[in-house]
Amino acid sequence: MIRLRFDIWEYTNHTFRIETRDLDGEMSMETVSGNLEVNGVGNATTVSNLVFAISNLHFKNPGVINFVLFLDDKEAASIPLYIRKG
């Protein structure tokens, strides 16, 4: 789950995509993308949640995979996933 907070001037439709990249820049899964309608009810900010499940995800080797979030084609955040040999 990804929780995003938007200010009142950002209340509109936004595009998002999530990419995964290893340290060599290679993508390890298909890009997740979509649209996000941000609305507020008289508040200065609002929160939107992106919830999705990833299944059958396999990695060839140990290493680091970065999940990168883009909002309106601009990189907004990233978080690493550390893969270790079991």
C-alpha atoms as a PDB file:
ATOM      1  CA  MET A   1       0.000   0.000   0.000  1.00  0.00           C
ATOM      2  CA  ILE A   2       1.187   3.490  -0.817  1.00  0.00           C
ATOM      3  CA  ARG A   3      -0.335   6.451   1.026  1.00  0.00           C
ATOM      4  CA  LEU A   4      -0.097   9.838  -0.695  1.00  0.00           C
ATOM      5  CA  ARG A   5      -1.000  13.223   0.783  1.00  0.00           C
ATOM      6  CA  PHE A   6      -2.091  16.021  -1.550  1.00  0.00           C
ATOM      7  CA  ASP A   7      -2.542  19.740  -0.870  1.00  0.00           C
ATOM      8  CA  ILE A   8      -5.682  21.590  -1.958  1.00  0.00           C
ATOM      9  CA  TRP A   9      -4.065  22.961  -5.138  1.00  0.00           C
ATOM     10  CA  GLU A  10      -3.285  19.358  -6.212  1.00  0.00           C
ATOM     11  CA  TYR A  11      -6.950  18.248  -6.237  1.00  0.00           C
ATOM     12  CA  THR A  12      -7.267  16.942  -9.783  1.00  0.00           C
ATOM     13  CA  ASN A  13      -6.627  13.815 -11.821  1.00  0.00           C
ATOM     14  CA  HIS A  14      -3.039  12.508 -11.656  1.00  0.00           C
ATOM     15  CA  THR A  15      -1.241   9.728 -13.504  1.00  0.00           C
ATOM     16  CA  PHE A  16       0.996   7.344 -11.623  1.00  0.00           C
ATOM     17  CA  ARG A  17       3.342   4.505 -12.433  1.00  0.00           C
ATOM     18  CA  ILE A  18       5.508   2.205 -10.380  1.00  0.00           C
ATOM     19  CA  GLU A  19       8.681   0.769 -11.863  1.00  0.00           C
ATOM     20  CA  THR A  20      11.216  -1.620 -10.400  1.00  0.00           C
ATOM     21  CA  ARG A  21      14.920  -1.292 -11.122  1.00  0.00           C
ATOM     22  CA  ASP A  22      17.944  -3.234  -9.985  1.00  0.00           C
ATOM     23  CA  LEU A  23      21.338  -1.620  -9.426  1.00  0.00           C
ATOM     24  CA  ASP A  24      22.155  -2.019 -13.140  1.00  0.00           C
ATOM     25  CA  GLY A  25      18.985  -0.136 -14.109  1.00  0.00           C
ATOM     26  CA  GLU A  26      17.221  -3.267 -15.380  1.00  0.00           C
ATOM     27  CA  MET A  27      13.483  -3.567 -14.741  1.00  0.00           C
ATOM     28  CA  SER A  28      12.523  -6.735 -12.856  1.00  0.00           C
ATOM     29  CA  MET A  29       8.733  -6.652 -13.274  1.00  0.00           C
ATOM     30  CA  GLU A  30       6.124  -5.099 -15.503  1.00  0.00           C
ATOM     31  CA  THR A  31       5.307  -1.443 -14.830  1.00  0.00           C
ATOM     32  CA  VAL A  32       2.145  -0.751 -12.826  1.00  0.00           C
ATOM     33  CA  SER A  33       0.336   2.397 -14.020  1.00  0.00           C
ATOM     34  CA  GLY A  34      -2.990   4.137 -13.773  1.00  0.00           C
ATOM     35  CA  ASN A  35      -4.932   7.286 -12.926  1.00  0.00           C
ATOM     36  CA  LEU A  36      -5.689   8.707  -9.515  1.00  0.00           C
ATOM     37  CA  GLU A  37      -8.563  11.137  -8.930  1.00  0.00           C
ATOM     38  CA  VAL A  38      -7.769  13.361  -5.947  1.00  0.00           C
ATOM     39  CA  ASN A  39     -10.732  15.056  -4.261  1.00  0.00           C
ATOM     40  CA  GLY A  40     -11.160  16.840  -0.966  1.00  0.00           C
ATOM     41  CA  VAL A  41     -14.147  17.907   1.056  1.00  0.00           C
ATOM     42  CA  GLY A  42     -13.352  21.365   2.423  1.00  0.00           C
ATOM     43  CA  ASN A  43      -9.950  20.366   3.797  1.00  0.00           C
ATOM     44  CA  ALA A  44      -6.515  21.813   3.033  1.00  0.00           C
ATOM     45  CA  THR A  45      -5.104  18.324   2.378  1.00  0.00           C
ATOM     46  CA  THR A  46      -6.379  14.868   1.553  1.00  0.00           C
ATOM     47  CA  VAL A  47      -4.946  11.351   1.504  1.00  0.00           C
ATOM     48  CA  SER A  48      -5.195   8.818  -1.318  1.00  0.00           C
ATOM     49  CA  ASN A  49      -4.160   5.180  -1.021  1.00  0.00           C
ATOM     50  CA  LEU A  50      -2.810   2.994  -3.811  1.00  0.00           C
ATOM     51  CA  VAL A  51      -3.422  -0.628  -2.886  1.00  0.00           C
ATOM     52  CA  PHE A  52      -2.379  -3.549  -5.047  1.00  0.00           C
ATOM     53  CA  ALA A  53      -0.948  -7.054  -4.750  1.00  0.00           C
ATOM     54  CA  ILE A  54       2.090  -8.430  -6.515  1.00  0.00           C
ATOM     55  CA  SER A  55       2.131 -12.192  -7.018  1.00  0.00           C
ATOM     56  CA  ASN A  56       4.517 -14.665  -8.626  1.00  0.00           C
ATOM     57  CA  LEU A  57       7.450 -12.293  -8.287  1.00  0.00           C
ATOM     58  CA  HIS A  58      10.772 -14.112  -8.741  1.00  0.00           C
ATOM     59  CA  PHE A  59      14.306 -12.784  -8.603  1.00  0.00           C
ATOM     60  CA  LYS A  60      17.280 -14.533 -10.217  1.00  0.00           C
ATOM     61  CA  ASN A  61      19.957 -13.327  -7.820  1.00  0.00           C
ATOM     62  CA  PRO A  62      20.323 -11.620  -4.444  1.00  0.00           C
ATOM     63  CA  GLY A  63      20.610  -7.843  -4.615  1.00  0.00           C
ATOM     64  CA  VAL A  64      18.581  -4.657  -4.327  1.00  0.00           C
ATOM     65  CA  ILE A  65      15.428  -3.821  -6.257  1.00  0.00           C
ATOM     66  CA  ASN A  66      14.156  -0.249  -6.073  1.00  0.00           C
ATOM     67  CA  PHE A  67      10.435   0.402  -6.381  1.00  0.00           C
ATOM     68  CA  VAL A  68      10.111   3.871  -7.932  1.00  0.00           C
ATOM     69  CA  LEU A  69       6.861   5.892  -7.860  1.00  0.00           C
ATOM     70  CA  PHE A  70       6.223   8.472 -10.568  1.00  0.00           C
ATOM     71  CA  LEU A  71       3.388  11.015 -10.288  1.00  0.00           C
ATOM     72  CA  ASP A  72       2.546  12.946 -13.445  1.00  0.00           C
ATOM     73  CA  ASP A  73       5.769  11.592 -15.026  1.00  0.00           C
ATOM     74  CA  LYS A  74       7.965  12.972 -12.215  1.00  0.00           C
ATOM     75  CA  GLU A  75       9.810  10.705  -9.821  1.00  0.00           C
ATOM     76  CA  ALA A  76       8.113  11.178  -6.438  1.00  0.00           C
ATOM     77  CA  ALA A  77       9.615   8.479  -4.200  1.00  0.00           C
ATOM     78  CA  SER A  78      11.479   5.198  -4.120  1.00  0.00           C
ATOM     79  CA  ILE A  79      12.025   2.407  -1.628  1.00  0.00           C
ATOM     80  CA  PRO A  80      14.510  -0.477  -1.802  1.00  0.00           C
ATOM     81  CA  LEU A  81      13.725  -4.181  -1.473  1.00  0.00           C
ATOM     82  CA  TYR A  82      16.748  -6.200  -0.334  1.00  0.00           C
ATOM     83  CA  ILE A  83      16.844  -9.738  -1.741  1.00  0.00           C
ATOM     84  CA  ARG A  84      18.996 -12.194   0.141  1.00  0.00           C
ATOM     85  CA  LYS A  85      19.886 -15.774  -0.597  1.00  0.00           C
ATOM     86  CA  GLY A  86      17.701 -18.142   1.455  1.00  0.00           C
END
